[in-house]
Amino acid sequence: MSKVIRVSISTIVGGGICVAASDGQKVHQFLYDVIQGGNRAEISFFGVTRMTTAFLNAAVGQLYGEFEESVLRSRLLPPVDFEEWHLRRLKLVVDRAKLYFSDQERVEEIFKDNLDD
């Protein structure tokens, strides 16, 4: 049976300011190991006072390119210790990651075309 492991973002990062993608990468590695190990991750936003989408893209978004969505749905539990703004940013990142990884080549082509204009 899989264990539920609480993933405290502020503990991993060493504080409540979560803005750097490099800090997001630390959280990502922790989440990746929990999921890859067959366990379930419960993300805690306790103590998170600032957080960017760049941080969340590194921490959570890239998981959608590494695991099937069904795996993430079963292994990423609803967040705890959150404020509404935490959830809004997380939802934005997850929605974008799903879109991006559903057709990565097409999305990259659109970005490239728009940059060329």
PDB file of N, CA and C in Angstrom:
ATOM      1  N   MET A   1       0.848  -1.191   0.000  1.00  0.00           N
ATOM      2  CA  MET A   1       0.000   0.000   0.000  1.00  0.00           C
ATOM      3  C   MET A   1       0.882   1.239   0.000  1.00  0.00           C
ATOM      4  N   SER A   2       0.500   2.230  -0.773  1.00  0.00           N
ATOM      5  CA  SER A   2       1.288   3.444  -0.869  1.00  0.00           C
ATOM      6  C   SER A   2       1.110   4.314   0.372  1.00  0.00           C
ATOM      7  N   LYS A   3       2.161   5.015   0.707  1.00  0.00           N
ATOM      8  CA  LYS A   3       2.139   5.937   1.840  1.00  0.00           C
ATOM      9  C   LYS A   3       1.794   7.333   1.345  1.00  0.00           C
ATOM     10  N   VAL A   4       1.194   8.119   2.224  1.00  0.00           N
ATOM     11  CA  VAL A   4       0.967   9.532   1.949  1.00  0.00           C
ATOM     12  C   VAL A   4       2.125  10.296   2.585  1.00  0.00           C
ATOM     13  N   ILE A   5       2.832  11.051   1.763  1.00  0.00           N
ATOM     14  CA  ILE A   5       3.983  11.810   2.231  1.00  0.00           C
ATOM     15  C   ILE A   5       3.684  13.293   2.058  1.00  0.00           C
ATOM     16  N   ARG A   6       3.725  14.028   3.163  1.00  0.00           N
ATOM     17  CA  ARG A   6       3.494  15.469   3.104  1.00  0.00           C
ATOM     18  C   ARG A   6       4.755  16.146   2.571  1.00  0.00           C
ATOM     19  N   VAL A   7       4.568  16.968   1.573  1.00  0.00           N
ATOM     20  CA  VAL A   7       5.671  17.678   0.929  1.00  0.00           C
ATOM     21  C   VAL A   7       5.534  19.155   1.310  1.00  0.00           C
ATOM     22  N   SER A   8       6.316  19.564   2.287  1.00  0.00           N
ATOM     23  CA  SER A   8       6.267  20.936   2.778  1.00  0.00           C
ATOM     24  C   SER A   8       7.190  21.804   1.930  1.00  0.00           C
ATOM     25  N   ILE A   9       6.589  22.623   1.093  1.00  0.00           N
ATOM     26  CA  ILE A   9       7.363  23.460   0.178  1.00  0.00           C
ATOM     27  C   ILE A   9       8.331  24.358   0.936  1.00  0.00           C
ATOM     28  N   SER A  10       7.857  25.034   1.981  1.00  0.00           N
ATOM     29  CA  SER A  10       8.715  25.983   2.694  1.00  0.00           C
ATOM     30  C   SER A  10       9.877  25.277   3.397  1.00  0.00           C
ATOM     31  N   THR A  11       9.684  24.031   3.809  1.00  0.00           N
ATOM     32  CA  THR A  11      10.779  23.284   4.433  1.00  0.00           C
ATOM     33  C   THR A  11      11.844  22.929   3.396  1.00  0.00           C
ATOM     34  N   ILE A  12      11.407  22.471   2.234  1.00  0.00           N
ATOM     35  CA  ILE A  12      12.350  22.095   1.178  1.00  0.00           C
ATOM     36  C   ILE A  12      13.137  23.307   0.697  1.00  0.00           C
ATOM     37  N   VAL A  13      12.442  24.425   0.527  1.00  0.00           N
ATOM     38  CA  VAL A  13      13.059  25.644   0.000  1.00  0.00           C
ATOM     39  C   VAL A  13      13.866  26.379   1.085  1.00  0.00           C
ATOM     40  N   GLY A  14      13.492  26.177   2.331  1.00  0.00           N
ATOM     41  CA  GLY A  14      14.191  26.855   3.419  1.00  0.00           C
ATOM     42  C   GLY A  14      13.601  28.208   3.748  1.00  0.00           C
ATOM     43  N   GLY A  15      12.327  28.382   3.462  1.00  0.00           N
ATOM     44  CA  GLY A  15      11.645  29.639   3.759  1.00  0.00           C
ATOM     45  C   GLY A  15      10.396  29.785   2.926  1.00  0.00           C
ATOM     46  N   GLY A  16       9.709  30.907   3.110  1.00  0.00           N
ATOM     47  CA  GLY A  16       8.426  31.105   2.464  1.00  0.00           C
ATOM     48  C   GLY A  16       8.461  31.830   1.139  1.00  0.00           C
ATOM     49  N   ILE A  17       9.653  32.230   0.693  1.00  0.00           N
ATOM     50  CA  ILE A  17       9.753  32.940  -0.579  1.00  0.00           C
ATOM     51  C   ILE A  17      10.124  31.935  -1.659  1.00  0.00           C
ATOM     52  N   CYS A  18       9.168  31.635  -2.505  1.00  0.00           N
ATOM     53  CA  CYS A  18       9.303  30.588  -3.525  1.00  0.00           C
ATOM     54  C   CYS A  18       9.185  31.234  -4.907  1.00  0.00           C
ATOM     55  N   VAL A  19      10.288  31.782  -5.361  1.00  0.00           N
ATOM     56  CA  VAL A  19      10.261  32.510  -6.622  1.00  0.00           C
ATOM     57  C   VAL A  19      11.252  31.966  -7.649  1.00  0.00           C
ATOM     58  N   ALA A  20      12.306  31.316  -7.212  1.00  0.00           N
ATOM     59  CA  ALA A  20      13.349  30.859  -8.131  1.00  0.00           C
ATOM     60  C   ALA A  20      13.038  29.480  -8.695  1.00  0.00           C
ATOM     61  N   ALA A  21      13.264  29.336  -9.990  1.00  0.00           N
ATOM     62  CA  ALA A  21      13.066  28.031 -10.622  1.00  0.00           C
ATOM     63  C   ALA A  21      13.998  26.991 -10.012  1.00  0.00           C
ATOM     64  N   SER A  22      15.169  27.400  -9.571  1.00  0.00           N
ATOM     65  CA  SER A  22      16.102  26.448  -8.955  1.00  0.00           C
ATOM     66  C   SER A  22      15.534  25.885  -7.653  1.00  0.00           C
ATOM     67  N   ASP A  23      14.813  26.697  -6.893  1.00  0.00           N
ATOM     68  CA  ASP A  23      14.132  26.184  -5.697  1.00  0.00           C
ATOM     69  C   ASP A  23      12.973  25.278  -6.093  1.00  0.00           C
ATOM     70  N   GLY A  24      12.279  25.647  -7.163  1.00  0.00           N
ATOM     71  CA  GLY A  24      11.213  24.792  -7.666  1.00  0.00           C
ATOM     72  C   GLY A  24      11.754  23.430  -8.070  1.00  0.00           C
ATOM     73  N   GLN A  25      12.958  23.406  -8.601  1.00  0.00           N
ATOM     74  CA  GLN A  25      13.580  22.150  -9.003  1.00  0.00           C
ATOM     75  C   GLN A  25      13.811  21.239  -7.792  1.00  0.00           C
ATOM     76  N   LYS A  26      14.139  21.820  -6.645  1.00  0.00           N
ATOM     77  CA  LYS A  26      14.313  21.032  -5.414  1.00  0.00           C
ATOM     78  C   LYS A  26      12.994  20.360  -5.026  1.00  0.00           C
ATOM     79  N   VAL A  27      11.911  21.130  -5.110  1.00  0.00           N
ATOM     80  CA  VAL A  27      10.585  20.584  -4.792  1.00  0.00           C
ATOM     81  C   VAL A  27      10.220  19.513  -5.814  1.00  0.00           C
ATOM     82  N   HIS A  28      10.510  19.794  -7.077  1.00  0.00           N
ATOM     83  CA  HIS A  28      10.227  18.824  -8.138  1.00  0.00           C
ATOM     84  C   HIS A  28      10.914  17.493  -7.859  1.00  0.00           C
ATOM     85  N   GLN A  29      12.174  17.528  -7.500  1.00  0.00           N
ATOM     86  CA  GLN A  29      12.910  16.289  -7.256  1.00  0.00           C
ATOM     87  C   GLN A  29      12.280  15.495  -6.123  1.00  0.00           C
ATOM     88  N   PHE A  30      11.850  16.193  -5.079  1.00  0.00           N
ATOM     89  CA  PHE A  30      11.187  15.539  -3.957  1.00  0.00           C
ATOM     90  C   PHE A  30       9.881  14.892  -4.418  1.00  0.00           C
ATOM     91  N   LEU A  31       9.059  15.675  -5.154  1.00  0.00           N
ATOM     92  CA  LEU A  31       7.788  15.146  -5.657  1.00  0.00           C
ATOM     93  C   LEU A  31       8.016  13.963  -6.595  1.00  0.00           C
ATOM     94  N   TYR A  32       8.987  14.117  -7.484  1.00  0.00           N
ATOM     95  CA  TYR A  32       9.297  13.054  -8.442  1.00  0.00           C
ATOM     96  C   TYR A  32       9.637  11.758  -7.708  1.00  0.00           C
ATOM     97  N   ASP A  33      10.481  11.850  -6.688  1.00  0.00           N
ATOM     98  CA  ASP A  33      10.888  10.660  -5.936  1.00  0.00           C
ATOM     99  C   ASP A  33       9.703  10.004  -5.225  1.00  0.00           C
ATOM    100  N   VAL A  34       8.815  10.821  -4.670  1.00  0.00           N
ATOM    101  CA  VAL A  34       7.620  10.289  -3.992  1.00  0.00           C
ATOM    102  C   VAL A  34       6.742   9.533  -5.003  1.00  0.00           C
ATOM    103  N   ILE A  35       6.477  10.170  -6.135  1.00  0.00           N
ATOM    104  CA  ILE A  35       5.600   9.573  -7.144  1.00  0.00           C
ATOM    105  C   ILE A  35       6.242   8.341  -7.768  1.00  0.00           C
ATOM    106  N   GLN A  36       7.495   8.462  -8.137  1.00  0.00           N
ATOM    107  CA  GLN A  36       8.216   7.332  -8.750  1.00  0.00           C
ATOM    108  C   GLN A  36       8.278   6.142  -7.795  1.00  0.00           C
ATOM    109  N   GLY A  37       8.330   6.428  -6.505  1.00  0.00           N
ATOM    110  CA  GLY A  37       8.369   5.369  -5.495  1.00  0.00           C
ATOM    111  C   GLY A  37       7.018   4.729  -5.232  1.00  0.00           C
ATOM    112  N   GLY A  38       5.978   5.178  -5.940  1.00  0.00           N
ATOM    113  CA  GLY A  38       4.657   4.583  -5.781  1.00  0.00           C
ATOM    114  C   GLY A  38       3.857   5.148  -4.632  1.00  0.00           C
ATOM    115  N   ASN A  39       4.336   6.227  -4.041  1.00  0.00           N
ATOM    116  CA  ASN A  39       3.627   6.832  -2.922  1.00  0.00           C
ATOM    117  C   ASN A  39       2.797   8.014  -3.390  1.00  0.00           C
ATOM    118  N   ARG A  40       2.071   8.610  -2.452  1.00  0.00           N
ATOM    119  CA  ARG A  40       1.191   9.727  -2.767  1.00  0.00           C
ATOM    120  C   ARG A  40       1.716  10.978  -2.076  1.00  0.00           C
ATOM    121  N   ALA A  41       1.753  12.081  -2.808  1.00  0.00           N
ATOM    122  CA  ALA A  41       2.282  13.336  -2.295  1.00  0.00           C
ATOM    123  C   ALA A  41       1.155  14.289  -1.935  1.00  0.00           C
ATOM    124  N   GLU A  42       1.266  14.870  -0.762  1.00  0.00           N
ATOM    125  CA  GLU A  42       0.330  15.884  -0.287  1.00  0.00           C
ATOM    126  C   GLU A  42       1.132  17.180  -0.127  1.00  0.00           C
ATOM    127  N   ILE A  43       0.948  18.104  -1.056  1.00  0.00           N
ATOM    128  CA  ILE A  43       1.720  19.342  -1.041  1.00  0.00           C
ATOM    129  C   ILE A  43       1.158  20.295   0.004  1.00  0.00           C
ATOM    130  N   SER A  44       2.062  20.759   0.892  1.00  0.00           N
ATOM    131  CA  SER A  44       1.677  21.727   1.913  1.00  0.00           C
ATOM    132  C   SER A  44       2.256  23.086   1.561  1.00  0.00           C
ATOM    133  N   PHE A  45       1.395  24.093   1.547  1.00  0.00           N
ATOM    134  CA  PHE A  45       1.811  25.472   1.289  1.00  0.00           C
ATOM    135  C   PHE A  45       2.040  26.248   2.584  1.00  0.00           C
ATOM    136  N   PHE A  46       2.097  25.556   3.698  1.00  0.00           N
ATOM    137  CA  PHE A  46       2.292  26.222   4.990  1.00  0.00           C
ATOM    138  C   PHE A  46       3.562  27.076   4.944  1.00  0.00           C
ATOM    139  N   GLY A  47       3.437  28.328   5.319  1.00  0.00           N
ATOM    140  CA  GLY A  47       4.578  29.221   5.390  1.00  0.00           C
ATOM    141  C   GLY A  47       4.979  29.869   4.083  1.00  0.00           C
ATOM    142  N   VAL A  48       4.308  29.538   2.988  1.00  0.00           N
ATOM    143  CA  VAL A  48       4.642  30.130   1.691  1.00  0.00           C
ATOM    144  C   VAL A  48       3.988  31.509   1.607  1.00  0.00           C
ATOM    145  N   THR A  49       4.836  32.543   1.563  1.00  0.00           N
ATOM    146  CA  THR A  49       4.325  33.914   1.560  1.00  0.00           C
ATOM    147  C   THR A  49       4.424  34.568   0.188  1.00  0.00           C
ATOM    148  N   ARG A  50       5.350  34.099  -0.640  1.00  0.00           N
ATOM    149  CA  ARG A  50       5.488  34.585  -2.018  1.00  0.00           C
ATOM    150  C   ARG A  50       5.786  33.381  -2.896  1.00  0.00           C
ATOM    151  N   MET A  51       5.174  33.382  -4.090  1.00  0.00           N
ATOM    152  CA  MET A  51       5.359  32.236  -4.974  1.00  0.00           C
ATOM    153  C   MET A  51       5.063  32.665  -6.407  1.00  0.00           C
ATOM    154  N   THR A  52       5.963  32.317  -7.317  1.00  0.00           N
ATOM    155  CA  THR A  52       5.779  32.666  -8.722  1.00  0.00           C
ATOM    156  C   THR A  52       5.372  31.442  -9.529  1.00  0.00           C
ATOM    157  N   THR A  53       4.828  31.713 -10.700  1.00  0.00           N
ATOM    158  CA  THR A  53       4.503  30.600 -11.592  1.00  0.00           C
ATOM    159  C   THR A  53       5.777  29.941 -12.122  1.00  0.00           C
ATOM    160  N   ALA A  54       6.869  30.690 -12.224  1.00  0.00           N
ATOM    161  CA  ALA A  54       8.146  30.082 -12.646  1.00  0.00           C
ATOM    162  C   ALA A  54       8.573  29.017 -11.647  1.00  0.00           C
ATOM    163  N   PHE A  55       8.414  29.307 -10.379  1.00  0.00           N
ATOM    164  CA  PHE A  55       8.716  28.331  -9.337  1.00  0.00           C
ATOM    165  C   PHE A  55       7.822  27.096  -9.483  1.00  0.00           C
ATOM    166  N   LEU A  56       6.519  27.332  -9.648  1.00  0.00           N
ATOM    167  CA  LEU A  56       5.578  26.218  -9.762  1.00  0.00           C
ATOM    168  C   LEU A  56       5.763  25.415 -11.047  1.00  0.00           C
ATOM    169  N   ASN A  57       6.142  26.089 -12.136  1.00  0.00           N
ATOM    170  CA  ASN A  57       6.425  25.344 -13.370  1.00  0.00           C
ATOM    171  C   ASN A  57       7.546  24.346 -13.138  1.00  0.00           C
ATOM    172  N   ALA A  58       8.599  24.793 -12.454  1.00  0.00           N
ATOM    173  CA  ALA A  58       9.719  23.899 -12.168  1.00  0.00           C
ATOM    174  C   ALA A  58       9.318  22.816 -11.175  1.00  0.00           C
ATOM    175  N   ALA A  59       8.548  23.184 -10.166  1.00  0.00           N
ATOM    176  CA  ALA A  59       8.192  22.247  -9.099  1.00  0.00           C
ATOM    177  C   ALA A  59       7.153  21.212  -9.534  1.00  0.00           C
ATOM    178  N   VAL A  60       6.098  21.674 -10.194  1.00  0.00           N
ATOM    179  CA  VAL A  60       4.958  20.805 -10.486  1.00  0.00           C
ATOM    180  C   VAL A  60       4.713  20.635 -11.986  1.00  0.00           C
ATOM    181  N   GLY A  61       4.803  21.717 -12.738  1.00  0.00           N
ATOM    182  CA  GLY A  61       4.450  21.673 -14.153  1.00  0.00           C
ATOM    183  C   GLY A  61       5.181  20.616 -14.944  1.00  0.00           C
ATOM    184  N   GLN A  62       6.480  20.486 -14.724  1.00  0.00           N
ATOM    185  CA  GLN A  62       7.243  19.530 -15.525  1.00  0.00           C
ATOM    186  C   GLN A  62       6.897  18.078 -15.212  1.00  0.00           C
ATOM    187  N   LEU A  63       6.232  17.820 -14.096  1.00  0.00           N
ATOM    188  CA  LEU A  63       5.798  16.448 -13.797  1.00  0.00           C
ATOM    189  C   LEU A  63       4.860  15.923 -14.884  1.00  0.00           C
ATOM    190  N   TYR A  64       4.109  16.847 -15.513  1.00  0.00           N
ATOM    191  CA  TYR A  64       3.161  16.437 -16.554  1.00  0.00           C
ATOM    192  C   TYR A  64       3.859  15.977 -17.826  1.00  0.00           C
ATOM    193  N   GLY A  65       5.133  16.257 -17.965  1.00  0.00           N
ATOM    194  CA  GLY A  65       5.917  15.741 -19.079  1.00  0.00           C
ATOM    195  C   GLY A  65       6.631  14.445 -18.729  1.00  0.00           C
ATOM    196  N   GLU A  66       6.593  14.074 -17.459  1.00  0.00           N
ATOM    197  CA  GLU A  66       7.311  12.888 -16.987  1.00  0.00           C
ATOM    198  C   GLU A  66       6.407  11.727 -16.601  1.00  0.00           C
ATOM    199  N   PHE A  67       5.160  12.037 -16.256  1.00  0.00           N
ATOM    200  CA  PHE A  67       4.206  11.011 -15.838  1.00  0.00           C
ATOM    201  C   PHE A  67       2.904  11.193 -16.608  1.00  0.00           C
ATOM    202  N   GLU A  68       2.182  10.116 -16.777  1.00  0.00           N
ATOM    203  CA  GLU A  68       0.838  10.195 -17.348  1.00  0.00           C
ATOM    204  C   GLU A  68      -0.053  10.979 -16.391  1.00  0.00           C
ATOM    205  N   GLU A  69      -1.000  11.712 -16.953  1.00  0.00           N
ATOM    206  CA  GLU A  69      -1.900  12.505 -16.118  1.00  0.00           C
ATOM    207  C   GLU A  69      -2.662  11.632 -15.123  1.00  0.00           C
ATOM    208  N   SER A  70      -3.031  10.439 -15.528  1.00  0.00           N
ATOM    209  CA  SER A  70      -3.756   9.545 -14.622  1.00  0.00           C
ATOM    210  C   SER A  70      -2.911   9.170 -13.402  1.00  0.00           C
ATOM    211  N   VAL A  71      -1.612   9.014 -13.601  1.00  0.00           N
ATOM    212  CA  VAL A  71      -0.710   8.716 -12.480  1.00  0.00           C
ATOM    213  C   VAL A  71      -0.671   9.907 -11.533  1.00  0.00           C
ATOM    214  N   LEU A  72      -0.537  11.098 -12.085  1.00  0.00           N
ATOM    215  CA  LEU A  72      -0.486  12.293 -11.247  1.00  0.00           C
ATOM    216  C   LEU A  72      -1.801  12.510 -10.513  1.00  0.00           C
ATOM    217  N   ARG A  73      -2.896  12.228 -11.190  1.00  0.00           N
ATOM    218  CA  ARG A  73      -4.205  12.391 -10.541  1.00  0.00           C
ATOM    219  C   ARG A  73      -4.331  11.477  -9.327  1.00  0.00           C
ATOM    220  N   SER A  74      -3.758  10.288  -9.409  1.00  0.00           N
ATOM    221  CA  SER A  74      -3.873   9.350  -8.294  1.00  0.00           C
ATOM    222  C   SER A  74      -2.792   9.543  -7.238  1.00  0.00           C
ATOM    223  N   ARG A  75      -1.675  10.155  -7.619  1.00  0.00           N
ATOM    224  CA  ARG A  75      -0.545  10.266  -6.681  1.00  0.00           C
ATOM    225  C   ARG A  75      -0.335  11.660  -6.107  1.00  0.00           C
ATOM    226  N   LEU A  76      -0.912  12.678  -6.734  1.00  0.00           N
ATOM    227  CA  LEU A  76      -0.847  14.032  -6.168  1.00  0.00           C
ATOM    228  C   LEU A  76      -2.179  14.327  -5.479  1.00  0.00           C
ATOM    229  N   LEU A  77      -2.160  14.337  -4.185  1.00  0.00           N
ATOM    230  CA  LEU A  77      -3.370  14.601  -3.413  1.00  0.00           C
ATOM    231  C   LEU A  77      -3.676  16.094  -3.422  1.00  0.00           C
ATOM    232  N   PRO A  78      -4.906  16.463  -3.079  1.00  0.00           N
ATOM    233  CA  PRO A  78      -5.217  17.898  -3.000  1.00  0.00           C
ATOM    234  C   PRO A  78      -4.282  18.585  -2.004  1.00  0.00           C
ATOM    235  N   PRO A  79      -3.855  19.800  -2.321  1.00  0.00           N
ATOM    236  CA  PRO A  79      -2.943  20.528  -1.428  1.00  0.00           C
ATOM    237  C   PRO A  79      -3.584  20.808  -0.071  1.00  0.00           C
ATOM    238  N   VAL A  80      -2.720  21.055   0.909  1.00  0.00           N
ATOM    239  CA  VAL A  80      -3.170  21.417   2.257  1.00  0.00           C
ATOM    240  C   VAL A  80      -2.471  22.698   2.680  1.00  0.00           C
ATOM    241  N   ASP A  81      -2.970  23.293   3.751  1.00  0.00           N
ATOM    242  CA  ASP A  81      -2.367  24.491   4.333  1.00  0.00           C
ATOM    243  C   ASP A  81      -2.194  25.602   3.304  1.00  0.00           C
ATOM    244  N   PHE A  82      -3.211  25.838   2.517  1.00  0.00           N
ATOM    245  CA  PHE A  82      -3.108  26.791   1.413  1.00  0.00           C
ATOM    246  C   PHE A  82      -3.982  28.014   1.631  1.00  0.00           C
ATOM    247  N   GLU A  83      -3.641  29.048   0.879  1.00  0.00           N
ATOM    248  CA  GLU A  83      -4.500  30.217   0.741  1.00  0.00           C
ATOM    249  C   GLU A  83      -5.027  30.179  -0.686  1.00  0.00           C
ATOM    250  N   GLU A  84      -6.100  30.891  -0.947  1.00  0.00           N
ATOM    251  CA  GLU A  84      -6.723  30.839  -2.275  1.00  0.00           C
ATOM    252  C   GLU A  84      -5.755  31.202  -3.391  1.00  0.00           C
ATOM    253  N   TRP A  85      -4.894  32.164  -3.164  1.00  0.00           N
ATOM    254  CA  TRP A  85      -3.962  32.575  -4.212  1.00  0.00           C
ATOM    255  C   TRP A  85      -2.972  31.463  -4.558  1.00  0.00           C
ATOM    256  N   HIS A  86      -2.619  30.627  -3.569  1.00  0.00           N
ATOM    257  CA  HIS A  86      -1.758  29.468  -3.857  1.00  0.00           C
ATOM    258  C   HIS A  86      -2.441  28.566  -4.881  1.00  0.00           C
ATOM    259  N   LEU A  87      -3.709  28.290  -4.646  1.00  0.00           N
ATOM    260  CA  LEU A  87      -4.455  27.387  -5.530  1.00  0.00           C
ATOM    261  C   LEU A  87      -4.652  27.978  -6.916  1.00  0.00           C
ATOM    262  N   ARG A  88      -4.905  29.280  -6.991  1.00  0.00           N
ATOM    263  CA  ARG A  88      -5.072  29.920  -8.300  1.00  0.00           C
ATOM    264  C   ARG A  88      -3.804  29.780  -9.143  1.00  0.00           C
ATOM    265  N   ARG A  89      -2.663  30.022  -8.531  1.00  0.00           N
ATOM    266  CA  ARG A  89      -1.400  29.891  -9.275  1.00  0.00           C
ATOM    267  C   ARG A  89      -1.117  28.440  -9.638  1.00  0.00           C
ATOM    268  N   LEU A  90      -1.380  27.534  -8.719  1.00  0.00           N
ATOM    269  CA  LEU A  90      -1.161  26.115  -9.004  1.00  0.00           C
ATOM    270  C   LEU A  90      -2.049  25.657 -10.148  1.00  0.00           C
ATOM    271  N   LYS A  91      -3.320  26.055 -10.134  1.00  0.00           N
ATOM    272  CA  LYS A  91      -4.238  25.665 -11.207  1.00  0.00           C
ATOM    273  C   LYS A  91      -3.776  26.224 -12.546  1.00  0.00           C
ATOM    274  N   LEU A  92      -3.336  27.466 -12.570  1.00  0.00           N
ATOM    275  CA  LEU A  92      -2.833  28.078 -13.795  1.00  0.00           C
ATOM    276  C   LEU A  92      -1.662  27.272 -14.359  1.00  0.00           C
ATOM    277  N   VAL A  93      -0.722  26.917 -13.515  1.00  0.00           N
ATOM    278  CA  VAL A  93       0.457  26.151 -13.948  1.00  0.00           C
ATOM    279  C   VAL A  93       0.059  24.760 -14.433  1.00  0.00           C
ATOM    280  N   VAL A  94      -0.816  24.088 -13.704  1.00  0.00           N
ATOM    281  CA  VAL A  94      -1.232  22.736 -14.089  1.00  0.00           C
ATOM    282  C   VAL A  94      -1.985  22.768 -15.413  1.00  0.00           C
ATOM    283  N   ASP A  95      -2.894  23.727 -15.572  1.00  0.00           N
ATOM    284  CA  ASP A  95      -3.639  23.833 -16.836  1.00  0.00           C
ATOM    285  C   ASP A  95      -2.702  24.072 -18.018  1.00  0.00           C
ATOM    286  N   ARG A  96      -1.731  24.950 -17.828  1.00  0.00           N
ATOM    287  CA  ARG A  96      -0.766  25.224 -18.905  1.00  0.00           C
ATOM    288  C   ARG A  96       0.110  24.004 -19.196  1.00  0.00           C
ATOM    289  N   ALA A  97       0.524  23.311 -18.157  1.00  0.00           N
ATOM    290  CA  ALA A  97       1.370  22.123 -18.351  1.00  0.00           C
ATOM    291  C   ALA A  97       0.610  21.038 -19.102  1.00  0.00           C
ATOM    292  N   LYS A  98      -0.641  20.829 -18.754  1.00  0.00           N
ATOM    293  CA  LYS A  98      -1.454  19.829 -19.465  1.00  0.00           C
ATOM    294  C   LYS A  98      -1.564  20.184 -20.943  1.00  0.00           C
ATOM    295  N   LEU A  99      -1.833  21.445 -21.227  1.00  0.00           N
ATOM    296  CA  LEU A  99      -1.941  21.901 -22.604  1.00  0.00           C
ATOM    297  C   LEU A  99      -0.615  21.715 -23.330  1.00  0.00           C
ATOM    298  N   TYR A 100       0.453  22.165 -22.726  1.00  0.00           N
ATOM    299  CA  TYR A 100       1.774  22.094 -23.353  1.00  0.00           C
ATOM    300  C   TYR A 100       2.171  20.647 -23.653  1.00  0.00           C
ATOM    301  N   PHE A 101       2.058  19.774 -22.664  1.00  0.00           N
ATOM    302  CA  PHE A 101       2.517  18.408 -22.848  1.00  0.00           C
ATOM    303  C   PHE A 101       1.542  17.541 -23.646  1.00  0.00           C
ATOM    304  N   SER A 102       0.318  18.042 -23.866  1.00  0.00           N
ATOM    305  CA  SER A 102      -0.628  17.283 -24.696  1.00  0.00           C
ATOM    306  C   SER A 102      -0.229  17.336 -26.162  1.00  0.00           C
ATOM    307  N   ASP A 103       0.438  18.426 -26.574  1.00  0.00           N
ATOM    308  CA  ASP A 103       0.891  18.563 -27.966  1.00  0.00           C
ATOM    309  C   ASP A 103       2.090  19.508 -27.979  1.00  0.00           C
ATOM    310  N   GLN A 104       3.175  19.051 -27.416  1.00  0.00           N
ATOM    311  CA  GLN A 104       4.368  19.860 -27.202  1.00  0.00           C
ATOM    312  C   GLN A 104       4.907  20.473 -28.495  1.00  0.00           C
ATOM    313  N   GLU A 105       4.959  19.691 -29.555  1.00  0.00           N
ATOM    314  CA  GLU A 105       5.501  20.197 -30.817  1.00  0.00           C
ATOM    315  C   GLU A 105       4.667  21.353 -31.362  1.00  0.00           C
ATOM    316  N   ARG A 106       3.351  21.203 -31.311  1.00  0.00           N
ATOM    317  CA  ARG A 106       2.468  22.252 -31.827  1.00  0.00           C
ATOM    318  C   ARG A 106       2.605  23.535 -31.005  1.00  0.00           C
ATOM    319  N   VAL A 107       2.643  23.403 -29.691  1.00  0.00           N
ATOM    320  CA  VAL A 107       2.763  24.577 -28.833  1.00  0.00           C
ATOM    321  C   VAL A 107       4.091  25.287 -29.087  1.00  0.00           C
ATOM    322  N   GLU A 108       5.162  24.521 -29.209  1.00  0.00           N
ATOM    323  CA  GLU A 108       6.472  25.136 -29.480  1.00  0.00           C
ATOM    324  C   GLU A 108       6.488  25.830 -30.840  1.00  0.00           C
ATOM    325  N   GLU A 109       5.791  25.255 -31.811  1.00  0.00           N
ATOM    326  CA  GLU A 109       5.708  25.866 -33.136  1.00  0.00           C
ATOM    327  C   GLU A 109       4.968  27.202 -33.066  1.00  0.00           C
ATOM    328  N   ILE A 110       3.889  27.238 -32.299  1.00  0.00           N
ATOM    329  CA  ILE A 110       3.114  28.481 -32.137  1.00  0.00           C
ATOM    330  C   ILE A 110       3.988  29.541 -31.466  1.00  0.00           C
ATOM    331  N   PHE A 111       4.709  29.158 -30.416  1.00  0.00           N
ATOM    332  CA  PHE A 111       5.589  30.124 -29.750  1.00  0.00           C
ATOM    333  C   PHE A 111       6.651  30.646 -30.719  1.00  0.00           C
ATOM    334  N   LYS A 112       7.239  29.757 -31.480  1.00  0.00           N
ATOM    335  CA  LYS A 112       8.282  30.137 -32.427  1.00  0.00           C
ATOM    336  C   LYS A 112       7.725  31.083 -33.481  1.00  0.00           C
ATOM    337  N   ASP A 113       6.553  30.750 -34.018  1.00  0.00           N
ATOM    338  CA  ASP A 113       5.933  31.607 -35.023  1.00  0.00           C
ATOM    339  C   ASP A 113       5.655  32.992 -34.477  1.00  0.00           C
ATOM    340  N   ASN A 114       5.197  33.070 -33.242  1.00  0.00           N
ATOM    341  CA  ASN A 114       4.875  34.367 -32.629  1.00  0.00           C
ATOM    342  C   ASN A 114       6.127  35.159 -32.309  1.00  0.00           C
ATOM    343  N   LEU A 115       7.211  34.483 -31.991  1.00  0.00           N
ATOM    344  CA  LEU A 115       8.469  35.187 -31.715  1.00  0.00           C
ATOM    345  C   LEU A 115       9.086  35.743 -32.993  1.00  0.00           C
ATOM    346  N   ASP A 116       8.847  35.045 -34.103  1.00  0.00           N
ATOM    347  CA  ASP A 116       9.388  35.490 -35.383  1.00  0.00           C
ATOM    348  C   ASP A 116       8.676  36.733 -35.933  1.00  0.00           C
ATOM    349  N   ASP A 117       7.436  36.956 -35.472  1.00  0.00           N
ATOM    350  CA  ASP A 117       6.651  38.102 -35.988  1.00  0.00           C
ATOM    351  C   ASP A 117       7.130  39.422 -35.493  1.00  0.00           C
TER     352      ASP A 117
END
